[in-house]
PDB file of N, CA and C in Angstrom:
ATOM      1  N   MET A   1      81.821 142.660  97.969  1.00  0.00           N
ATOM      2  CA  MET A   1      81.532 141.221  98.102  1.00  0.00           C
ATOM      3  C   MET A   1      83.119 140.141  97.942  1.00  0.00           C
ATOM      4  N   THR A   2      82.978 139.744  98.591  1.00  0.00           N
ATOM      5  CA  THR A   2      84.317 139.083  98.641  1.00  0.00           C
ATOM      6  C   THR A   2      84.082 137.534  97.944  1.00  0.00           C
ATOM      7  N   ALA A   3      85.205 137.068  97.261  1.00  0.00           N
ATOM      8  CA  ALA A   3      84.850 135.678  96.826  1.00  0.00           C
ATOM      9  C   ALA A   3      84.931 134.012  98.241  1.00  0.00           C
ATOM     10  N   GLN A   4      84.194 133.811  97.913  1.00  0.00           N
ATOM     11  CA  GLN A   4      84.735 132.391  98.916  1.00  0.00           C
ATOM     12  C   GLN A   4      84.927 131.336  98.286  1.00  0.00           C
ATOM     13  N   TRP A   5      86.080 130.982  98.498  1.00  0.00           N
ATOM     14  CA  TRP A   5      87.277 129.733  97.862  1.00  0.00           C
ATOM     15  C   TRP A   5      86.839 128.702  98.474  1.00  0.00           C
ATOM     16  N   ALA A   6      85.991 128.405  99.662  1.00  0.00           N
ATOM     17  CA  ALA A   6      85.945 127.589 100.212  1.00  0.00           C
ATOM     18  C   ALA A   6      84.893 126.192  99.597  1.00  0.00           C
ATOM     19  N   GLY A   7      84.116 126.038  98.825  1.00  0.00           N
ATOM     20  CA  GLY A   7      83.981 125.326  97.891  1.00  0.00           C
ATOM     21  C   GLY A   7      84.646 124.897  97.216  1.00  0.00           C
ATOM     22  N   LEU A   8      85.826 125.598  96.213  1.00  0.00           N
ATOM     23  CA  LEU A   8      86.579 125.430  95.079  1.00  0.00           C
ATOM     24  C   LEU A   8      87.657 124.711  95.794  1.00  0.00           C
ATOM     25  N   VAL A   9      88.065 125.001  96.786  1.00  0.00           N
ATOM     26  CA  VAL A   9      89.099 124.211  97.738  1.00  0.00           C
ATOM     27  C   VAL A   9      88.889 122.935  98.174  1.00  0.00           C
ATOM     28  N   LEU A  10      87.680 122.954  98.697  1.00  0.00           N
ATOM     29  CA  LEU A  10      87.022 121.518  98.858  1.00  0.00           C
ATOM     30  C   LEU A  10      86.678 120.513  97.796  1.00  0.00           C
ATOM     31  N   ALA A  11      86.234 121.046  96.512  1.00  0.00           N
ATOM     32  CA  ALA A  11      85.771 120.381  95.664  1.00  0.00           C
ATOM     33  C   ALA A  11      87.472 119.631  95.050  1.00  0.00           C
ATOM     34  N   MET A  12      87.988 120.336  94.780  1.00  0.00           N
ATOM     35  CA  MET A  12      89.815 120.181  94.830  1.00  0.00           C
ATOM     36  C   MET A  12      90.311 119.059  95.788  1.00  0.00           C
ATOM     37  N   VAL A  13      90.059 119.633  97.139  1.00  0.00           N
ATOM     38  CA  VAL A  13      90.500 118.133  97.756  1.00  0.00           C
ATOM     39  C   VAL A  13      89.331 117.518  97.536  1.00  0.00           C
ATOM     40  N   THR A  14      88.358 117.313  97.207  1.00  0.00           N
ATOM     41  CA  THR A  14      87.638 115.744  96.797  1.00  0.00           C
ATOM     42  C   THR A  14      88.090 115.066  95.781  1.00  0.00           C
ATOM     43  N   PHE A  15      88.061 115.785  94.909  1.00  0.00           N
ATOM     44  CA  PHE A  15      88.872 115.602  93.303  1.00  0.00           C
ATOM     45  C   PHE A  15      90.283 114.659  93.967  1.00  0.00           C
ATOM     46  N   GLY A  16      91.219 115.377  94.048  1.00  0.00           N
ATOM     47  CA  GLY A  16      92.404 114.630  94.512  1.00  0.00           C
ATOM     48  C   GLY A  16      92.473 113.799  95.406  1.00  0.00           C
ATOM     49  N   THR A  17      91.740 113.526  96.618  1.00  0.00           N
ATOM     50  CA  THR A  17      91.980 112.319  97.426  1.00  0.00           C
ATOM     51  C   THR A  17      91.205 111.215  96.808  1.00  0.00           C
ATOM     52  N   ILE A  18      90.179 111.395  95.737  1.00  0.00           N
ATOM     53  CA  ILE A  18      89.215 109.975  94.564  1.00  0.00           C
ATOM     54  C   ILE A  18      90.500 109.742  93.866  1.00  0.00           C
ATOM     55  N   ALA A  19      91.298 110.851  93.408  1.00  0.00           N
ATOM     56  CA  ALA A  19      92.096 110.443  92.279  1.00  0.00           C
ATOM     57  C   ALA A  19      93.461 109.689  92.980  1.00  0.00           C
ATOM     58  N   PHE A  20      94.016 110.335  93.741  1.00  0.00           N
ATOM     59  CA  PHE A  20      95.157 109.497  94.478  1.00  0.00           C
ATOM     60  C   PHE A  20      94.407 107.966  95.017  1.00  0.00           C
ATOM     61  N   GLY A  21      93.452 107.733  95.345  1.00  0.00           N
ATOM     62  CA  GLY A  21      92.763 106.719  96.028  1.00  0.00           C
ATOM     63  C   GLY A  21      92.259 105.666  95.106  1.00  0.00           C
ATOM     64  N   HIS A  22      92.478 105.733  94.058  1.00  0.00           N
ATOM     65  CA  HIS A  22      92.411 105.493  92.581  1.00  0.00           C
ATOM     66  C   HIS A  22      93.435 104.215  92.370  1.00  0.00           C
ATOM     67  N   VAL A  23      94.278 105.351  92.564  1.00  0.00           N
ATOM     68  CA  VAL A  23      95.710 104.844  91.956  1.00  0.00           C
ATOM     69  C   VAL A  23      96.271 103.765  93.212  1.00  0.00           C
ATOM     70  N   MET A  24      95.920 104.488  94.208  1.00  0.00           N
ATOM     71  CA  MET A  24      96.613 103.861  95.375  1.00  0.00           C
ATOM     72  C   MET A  24      96.089 102.286  95.152  1.00  0.00           C
ATOM     73  N   VAL A  25      94.442 102.172  95.457  1.00  0.00           N
ATOM     74  CA  VAL A  25      93.923 100.719  95.860  1.00  0.00           C
ATOM     75  C   VAL A  25      94.200  99.973  95.067  1.00  0.00           C
ATOM     76  N   ARG A  26      94.935 100.170  93.269  1.00  0.00           N
ATOM     77  CA  ARG A  26      95.602  99.187  91.988  1.00  0.00           C
ATOM     78  C   ARG A  26      96.483  99.101  92.569  1.00  0.00           C
ATOM     79  N   LYS A  27      97.529 100.359  93.280  1.00  0.00           N
ATOM     80  CA  LYS A  27      98.551  99.822  93.392  1.00  0.00           C
ATOM     81  C   LYS A  27      99.445  98.854  95.208  1.00  0.00           C
ATOM     82  N   VAL A  28      98.655  99.582  95.710  1.00  0.00           N
ATOM     83  CA  VAL A  28      98.519  98.785  96.926  1.00  0.00           C
ATOM     84  C   VAL A  28      98.022  97.379  96.819  1.00  0.00           C
ATOM     85  N   ASN A  29      96.646  97.493  96.375  1.00  0.00           N
ATOM     86  CA  ASN A  29      96.297  96.128  96.298  1.00  0.00           C
ATOM     87  C   ASN A  29      97.206  94.450  95.403  1.00  0.00           C
ATOM     88  N   TYR A  30      97.726  95.612  94.355  1.00  0.00           N
ATOM     89  CA  TYR A  30      98.767  94.586  93.502  1.00  0.00           C
ATOM     90  C   TYR A  30      99.554  94.100  94.386  1.00  0.00           C
ATOM     91  N   LEU A  31     100.298  94.903  95.440  1.00  0.00           N
ATOM     92  CA  LEU A  31     101.572  94.665  95.425  1.00  0.00           C
ATOM     93  C   LEU A  31     101.439  93.877  96.845  1.00  0.00           C
ATOM     94  N   TYR A  32     100.170  94.419  97.931  1.00  0.00           N
ATOM     95  CA  TYR A  32     100.223  93.813  99.136  1.00  0.00           C
ATOM     96  C   TYR A  32      98.898  93.020  99.558  1.00  0.00           C
ATOM     97  N   GLY A  33      97.899  93.314  98.456  1.00  0.00           N
ATOM     98  CA  GLY A  33      96.583  92.803  98.651  1.00  0.00           C
ATOM     99  C   GLY A  33      95.535  93.639  99.639  1.00  0.00           C
ATOM    100  N   THR A  34      94.726  92.992 100.297  1.00  0.00           N
ATOM    101  CA  THR A  34      94.231  93.625 101.118  1.00  0.00           C
ATOM    102  C   THR A  34      94.433  93.983 103.052  1.00  0.00           C
ATOM    103  N   LYS A  35      95.697  93.261 102.845  1.00  0.00           N
ATOM    104  CA  LYS A  35      96.424  93.285 104.160  1.00  0.00           C
ATOM    105  C   LYS A  35      96.135  95.265 104.658  1.00  0.00           C
ATOM    106  N   PRO A  36      97.069  96.170 103.355  1.00  0.00           N
ATOM    107  CA  PRO A  36      96.540  97.207 104.451  1.00  0.00           C
ATOM    108  C   PRO A  36      94.985  97.712 104.847  1.00  0.00           C
ATOM    109  N   ALA A  37      94.010  97.311 104.666  1.00  0.00           N
ATOM    110  CA  ALA A  37      93.055  97.677 104.775  1.00  0.00           C
ATOM    111  C   ALA A  37      92.388  97.957 106.292  1.00  0.00           C
ATOM    112  N   PRO A  38      92.272  97.274 107.011  1.00  0.00           N
ATOM    113  CA  PRO A  38      91.999  97.180 108.670  1.00  0.00           C
ATOM    114  C   PRO A  38      93.420  99.160 108.785  1.00  0.00           C
ATOM    115  N   ALA A  39      94.463  99.119 108.346  1.00  0.00           N
ATOM    116  CA  ALA A  39      95.429  99.773 108.579  1.00  0.00           C
ATOM    117  C   ALA A  39      94.258 101.459 107.692  1.00  0.00           C
ATOM    118  N   LEU A  40      93.943 101.220 106.628  1.00  0.00           N
ATOM    119  CA  LEU A  40      92.898 102.266 106.182  1.00  0.00           C
ATOM    120  C   LEU A  40      92.082 102.901 106.624  1.00  0.00           C
ATOM    121  N   PHE A  41      91.200 101.764 107.293  1.00  0.00           N
ATOM    122  CA  PHE A  41      89.707 101.837 108.646  1.00  0.00           C
ATOM    123  C   PHE A  41      90.741 102.300 109.858  1.00  0.00           C
ATOM    124  N   VAL A  42      91.704 102.625 110.198  1.00  0.00           N
ATOM    125  CA  VAL A  42      92.271 103.095 111.296  1.00  0.00           C
ATOM    126  C   VAL A  42      92.326 104.205 111.290  1.00  0.00           C
ATOM    127  N   LEU A  43      92.835 104.426 110.057  1.00  0.00           N
ATOM    128  CA  LEU A  43      93.252 105.854 109.725  1.00  0.00           C
ATOM    129  C   LEU A  43      92.151 106.815 109.044  1.00  0.00           C
ATOM    130  N   SER A  44      91.454 106.462 108.618  1.00  0.00           N
ATOM    131  CA  SER A  44      90.232 107.177 108.300  1.00  0.00           C
ATOM    132  C   SER A  44      89.714 107.799 109.707  1.00  0.00           C
ATOM    133  N   LEU A  45      89.320 107.122 110.527  1.00  0.00           N
ATOM    134  CA  LEU A  45      88.529 107.071 111.699  1.00  0.00           C
ATOM    135  C   LEU A  45      89.337 108.332 112.560  1.00  0.00           C
ATOM    136  N   LEU A  46      90.845 108.309 112.703  1.00  0.00           N
ATOM    137  CA  LEU A  46      91.987 109.146 113.149  1.00  0.00           C
ATOM    138  C   LEU A  46      91.163 110.504 112.082  1.00  0.00           C
ATOM    139  N   LEU A  47      91.231 110.524 111.186  1.00  0.00           N
ATOM    140  CA  LEU A  47      91.106 111.900 110.451  1.00  0.00           C
ATOM    141  C   LEU A  47      89.755 112.278 110.615  1.00  0.00           C
ATOM    142  N   MET A  48      88.867 111.532 111.100  1.00  0.00           N
ATOM    143  CA  MET A  48      87.378 112.084 110.894  1.00  0.00           C
ATOM    144  C   MET A  48      87.485 112.216 112.297  1.00  0.00           C
ATOM    145  N   THR A  49      87.346 111.700 113.743  1.00  0.00           N
ATOM    146  CA  THR A  49      87.926 112.000 115.045  1.00  0.00           C
ATOM    147  C   THR A  49      88.804 113.481 114.619  1.00  0.00           C
ATOM    148  N   LEU A  50      89.992 113.881 114.161  1.00  0.00           N
ATOM    149  CA  LEU A  50      90.183 115.021 114.166  1.00  0.00           C
ATOM    150  C   LEU A  50      89.873 115.685 113.831  1.00  0.00           C
ATOM    151  N   SER A  51      88.965 115.794 112.621  1.00  0.00           N
ATOM    152  CA  SER A  51      87.923 117.064 111.530  1.00  0.00           C
ATOM    153  C   SER A  51      87.424 117.276 112.924  1.00  0.00           C
ATOM    154  N   LEU A  52      86.771 116.753 113.785  1.00  0.00           N
ATOM    155  CA  LEU A  52      85.764 117.722 114.832  1.00  0.00           C
ATOM    156  C   LEU A  52      86.593 118.037 115.528  1.00  0.00           C
ATOM    157  N   LYS A  53      87.920 118.404 115.716  1.00  0.00           N
ATOM    158  CA  LYS A  53      88.634 119.799 116.398  1.00  0.00           C
ATOM    159  C   LYS A  53      89.213 120.771 115.883  1.00  0.00           C
ATOM    160  N   MET A  54      88.887 121.212 114.414  1.00  0.00           N
ATOM    161  CA  MET A  54      89.715 122.047 113.905  1.00  0.00           C
ATOM    162  C   MET A  54      88.653 122.575 113.340  1.00  0.00           C
ATOM    163  N   GLY A  55      88.906 123.817 112.418  1.00  0.00           N
ATOM    164  CA  GLY A  55      88.557 124.606 112.268  1.00  0.00           C
ATOM    165  C   GLY A  55      87.462 124.663 110.916  1.00  0.00           C
ATOM    166  N   ASP A  56      86.472 125.172 110.355  1.00  0.00           N
ATOM    167  CA  ASP A  56      85.567 124.633 109.515  1.00  0.00           C
ATOM    168  C   ASP A  56      86.212 124.411 107.720  1.00  0.00           C
ATOM    169  N   LEU A  57      87.173 125.009 107.309  1.00  0.00           N
ATOM    170  CA  LEU A  57      87.518 124.715 105.646  1.00  0.00           C
ATOM    171  C   LEU A  57      88.355 123.283 106.531  1.00  0.00           C
ATOM    172  N   ALA A  58      89.642 123.182 107.471  1.00  0.00           N
ATOM    173  CA  ALA A  58      90.382 121.973 108.105  1.00  0.00           C
ATOM    174  C   ALA A  58      89.288 121.525 108.143  1.00  0.00           C
ATOM    175  N   SER A  59      87.870 121.378 109.145  1.00  0.00           N
ATOM    176  CA  SER A  59      87.764 120.277 109.160  1.00  0.00           C
ATOM    177  C   SER A  59      86.705 119.301 108.141  1.00  0.00           C
ATOM    178  N   ALA A  60      86.602 120.729 106.801  1.00  0.00           N
ATOM    179  CA  ALA A  60      85.969 119.826 106.090  1.00  0.00           C
ATOM    180  C   ALA A  60      86.637 118.998 104.896  1.00  0.00           C
ATOM    181  N   ALA A  61      87.840 119.792 105.338  1.00  0.00           N
ATOM    182  CA  ALA A  61      88.860 118.852 104.534  1.00  0.00           C
ATOM    183  C   ALA A  61      89.167 117.440 105.060  1.00  0.00           C
ATOM    184  N   LEU A  62      89.560 117.777 106.286  1.00  0.00           N
ATOM    185  CA  LEU A  62      89.863 116.085 106.961  1.00  0.00           C
ATOM    186  C   LEU A  62      88.704 114.992 107.045  1.00  0.00           C
ATOM    187  N   GLY A  63      87.678 115.715 107.040  1.00  0.00           N
ATOM    188  CA  GLY A  63      86.155 114.527 107.219  1.00  0.00           C
ATOM    189  C   GLY A  63      86.372 113.709 106.022  1.00  0.00           C
ATOM    190  N   ILE A  64      86.278 114.743 104.502  1.00  0.00           N
ATOM    191  CA  ILE A  64      86.691 114.204 103.409  1.00  0.00           C
ATOM    192  C   ILE A  64      87.633 113.417 102.970  1.00  0.00           C
ATOM    193  N   ILE A  65      88.926 113.692 103.695  1.00  0.00           N
ATOM    194  CA  ILE A  65      89.977 112.774 102.985  1.00  0.00           C
ATOM    195  C   ILE A  65      89.613 111.788 103.974  1.00  0.00           C
ATOM    196  N   GLY A  66      89.238 111.621 105.373  1.00  0.00           N
ATOM    197  CA  GLY A  66      88.898 110.695 105.730  1.00  0.00           C
ATOM    198  C   GLY A  66      87.453 109.400 105.846  1.00  0.00           C
ATOM    199  N   ILE A  67      86.746 110.019 104.916  1.00  0.00           N
ATOM    200  CA  ILE A  67      85.821 109.445 104.376  1.00  0.00           C
ATOM    201  C   ILE A  67      86.493 108.782 103.034  1.00  0.00           C
ATOM    202  N   THR A  68      86.866 109.506 102.620  1.00  0.00           N
ATOM    203  CA  THR A  68      87.741 108.847 100.897  1.00  0.00           C
ATOM    204  C   THR A  68      88.421 107.490 101.647  1.00  0.00           C
ATOM    205  N   THR A  69      89.386 107.967 102.945  1.00  0.00           N
ATOM    206  CA  THR A  69      90.601 106.871 102.995  1.00  0.00           C
ATOM    207  C   THR A  69      89.484 105.348 103.562  1.00  0.00           C
ATOM    208  N   PHE A  70      88.178 105.561 104.101  1.00  0.00           N
ATOM    209  CA  PHE A  70      87.810 104.835 104.202  1.00  0.00           C
ATOM    210  C   PHE A  70      87.380 103.982 103.134  1.00  0.00           C
ATOM    211  N   TRP A  71      86.878 104.622 102.234  1.00  0.00           N
ATOM    212  CA  TRP A  71      86.369 104.094 100.908  1.00  0.00           C
ATOM    213  C   TRP A  71      87.250 103.306 100.388  1.00  0.00           C
ATOM    214  N   ASP A  72      88.362 103.497 100.316  1.00  0.00           N
ATOM    215  CA  ASP A  72      89.368 103.052  99.620  1.00  0.00           C
ATOM    216  C   ASP A  72      89.866 101.874 100.433  1.00  0.00           C
ATOM    217  N   GLY A  73      89.915 101.524 102.179  1.00  0.00           N
ATOM    218  CA  GLY A  73      89.774 100.179 102.273  1.00  0.00           C
ATOM    219  C   GLY A  73      88.868  99.617 101.680  1.00  0.00           C
ATOM    220  N   ILE A  74      87.548  99.627 101.711  1.00  0.00           N
ATOM    221  CA  ILE A  74      86.401  98.944 101.156  1.00  0.00           C
ATOM    222  C   ILE A  74      86.979  98.646  99.984  1.00  0.00           C
ATOM    223  N   GLU A  75      87.623  99.599  98.951  1.00  0.00           N
ATOM    224  CA  GLU A  75      87.823  99.401  97.693  1.00  0.00           C
ATOM    225  C   GLU A  75      88.784  97.886  97.795  1.00  0.00           C
ATOM    226  N   LEU A  76      89.996  98.216  98.515  1.00  0.00           N
ATOM    227  CA  LEU A  76      91.123  97.218  98.451  1.00  0.00           C
ATOM    228  C   LEU A  76      90.067  95.596  98.548  1.00  0.00           C
ATOM    229  N   TYR A  77      89.288  95.767  99.153  1.00  0.00           N
ATOM    230  CA  TYR A  77      88.342  94.440  98.988  1.00  0.00           C
ATOM    231  C   TYR A  77      87.807  93.883  97.664  1.00  0.00           C
ATOM    232  N   ARG A  78      86.922  94.840  96.888  1.00  0.00           N
ATOM    233  CA  ARG A  78      86.478  95.346  95.874  1.00  0.00           C
ATOM    234  C   ARG A  78      87.468  94.875  94.842  1.00  0.00           C
ATOM    235  N   GLN A  79      88.358  95.224  95.014  1.00  0.00           N
ATOM    236  CA  GLN A  79      89.535  95.315  93.893  1.00  0.00           C
ATOM    237  C   GLN A  79      90.422  93.734  93.528  1.00  0.00           C
ATOM    238  N   GLU A  80      89.923  92.911  94.507  1.00  0.00           N
ATOM    239  CA  GLU A  80      90.404  91.631  95.184  1.00  0.00           C
ATOM    240  C   GLU A  80      89.310  90.683  94.537  1.00  0.00           C
ATOM    241  N   LYS A  81      87.760  91.271  94.359  1.00  0.00           N
ATOM    242  CA  LYS A  81      87.034  90.520  93.676  1.00  0.00           C
ATOM    243  C   LYS A  81      86.960  90.760  92.180  1.00  0.00           C
ATOM    244  N   ARG A  82      87.180  91.448  91.720  1.00  0.00           N
ATOM    245  CA  ARG A  82      87.821  92.013  90.169  1.00  0.00           C
ATOM    246  C   ARG A  82      88.632  91.326  89.558  1.00  0.00           C
ATOM    247  N   ILE A  83      89.698  91.123  90.841  1.00  0.00           N
ATOM    248  CA  ILE A  83      91.356  90.090  90.100  1.00  0.00           C
ATOM    249  C   ILE A  83      90.669  89.254  89.952  1.00  0.00           C
ATOM    250  N   ARG A  84      90.062  88.822  90.769  1.00  0.00           N
ATOM    251  CA  ARG A  84      89.316  86.918  90.776  1.00  0.00           C
ATOM    252  C   ARG A  84      88.413  86.891  89.610  1.00  0.00           C
ATOM    253  N   ARG A  85      88.049  87.799  88.981  1.00  0.00           N
ATOM    254  CA  ARG A  85      86.998  87.871  87.810  1.00  0.00           C
ATOM    255  C   ARG A  85      87.530  87.839  86.533  1.00  0.00           C
ATOM    256  N   GLY A  86      88.768  88.478  87.241  1.00  0.00           N
ATOM    257  CA  GLY A  86      89.885  88.444  85.434  1.00  0.00           C
ATOM    258  C   GLY A  86      89.607  90.734  84.673  1.00  0.00           C
ATOM    259  N   HIS A  87      88.873  91.489  85.826  1.00  0.00           N
ATOM    260  CA  HIS A  87      88.893  92.344  85.332  1.00  0.00           C
ATOM    261  C   HIS A  87      89.874  93.420  85.449  1.00  0.00           C
ATOM    262  N   ALA A  88      90.841  92.893  86.390  1.00  0.00           N
ATOM    263  CA  ALA A  88      91.719  93.795  87.041  1.00  0.00           C
ATOM    264  C   ALA A  88      93.410  92.806  87.132  1.00  0.00           C
ATOM    265  N   PRO A  89      93.585  93.166  86.618  1.00  0.00           N
ATOM    266  CA  PRO A  89      95.736  92.350  86.708  1.00  0.00           C
ATOM    267  C   PRO A  89      95.866  92.029  87.477  1.00  0.00           C
ATOM    268  N   ALA A  90      96.282  90.672  87.959  1.00  0.00           N
ATOM    269  CA  ALA A  90      96.813  90.080  88.789  1.00  0.00           C
ATOM    270  C   ALA A  90      98.333  90.259  89.116  1.00  0.00           C
ATOM    271  N   ASN A  91      98.597  90.054  90.696  1.00  0.00           N
ATOM    272  CA  ASN A  91     100.107  90.064  90.582  1.00  0.00           C
ATOM    273  C   ASN A  91     100.703  88.862  90.542  1.00  0.00           C
ATOM    274  N   PRO A  92     101.614  88.195  89.375  1.00  0.00           N
ATOM    275  CA  PRO A  92     102.311  87.078  89.424  1.00  0.00           C
ATOM    276  C   PRO A  92     102.356  86.545  90.600  1.00  0.00           C
ATOM    277  N   ASN A  93     103.378  87.519  91.319  1.00  0.00           N
ATOM    278  CA  ASN A  93     104.015  87.123  92.408  1.00  0.00           C
ATOM    279  C   ASN A  93     103.407  86.953  93.467  1.00  0.00           C
ATOM    280  N   ARG A  94     102.102  87.327  93.747  1.00  0.00           N
ATOM    281  CA  ARG A  94     100.807  87.440  94.701  1.00  0.00           C
ATOM    282  C   ARG A  94      99.660  86.632  94.304  1.00  0.00           C
ATOM    283  N   PRO A  95      99.486  85.746  94.065  1.00  0.00           N
ATOM    284  CA  PRO A  95      98.396  85.159  93.313  1.00  0.00           C
ATOM    285  C   PRO A  95      97.447  85.013  93.810  1.00  0.00           C
ATOM    286  N   VAL A  96      96.218  85.013  92.973  1.00  0.00           N
ATOM    287  CA  VAL A  96      94.696  85.135  93.440  1.00  0.00           C
ATOM    288  C   VAL A  96      94.049  84.454  93.193  1.00  0.00           C
ATOM    289  N   GLU A  97      93.420  83.311  94.313  1.00  0.00           N
ATOM    290  CA  GLU A  97      92.531  81.766  93.698  1.00  0.00           C
ATOM    291  C   GLU A  97      91.579  82.324  93.308  1.00  0.00           C
ATOM    292  N   PRO A  98      91.370  82.567  91.758  1.00  0.00           N
ATOM    293  CA  PRO A  98      89.669  82.765  90.756  1.00  0.00           C
ATOM    294  C   PRO A  98      88.577  81.806  91.525  1.00  0.00           C
ATOM    295  N   LYS A  99      87.277  82.235  91.760  1.00  0.00           N
ATOM    296  CA  LYS A  99      86.002  81.619  92.697  1.00  0.00           C
ATOM    297  C   LYS A  99      86.103  80.385  91.484  1.00  0.00           C
TER     298      LYS A  99
END
């Protein structure tokens, strides 16, 4: 019987991309607001398209990274709403108008 490492590797990729995305969304939104969101959407589409052309494990990993990147783009907008409600710290050099 051989060990199947794909599940463990993909779990670590998923955990890593979610953890990185959580920190990245907070820092990027603090510094730049929602301006980088369209670039994240384009990057996610490129990663998911590239995942269609790769082998099994690489395809799954790129698909996970691609969809997580897409979700990070959405989270940039949601972070902006959290700042407006006072649930996240605002950058004093980049004021966000409260609703």
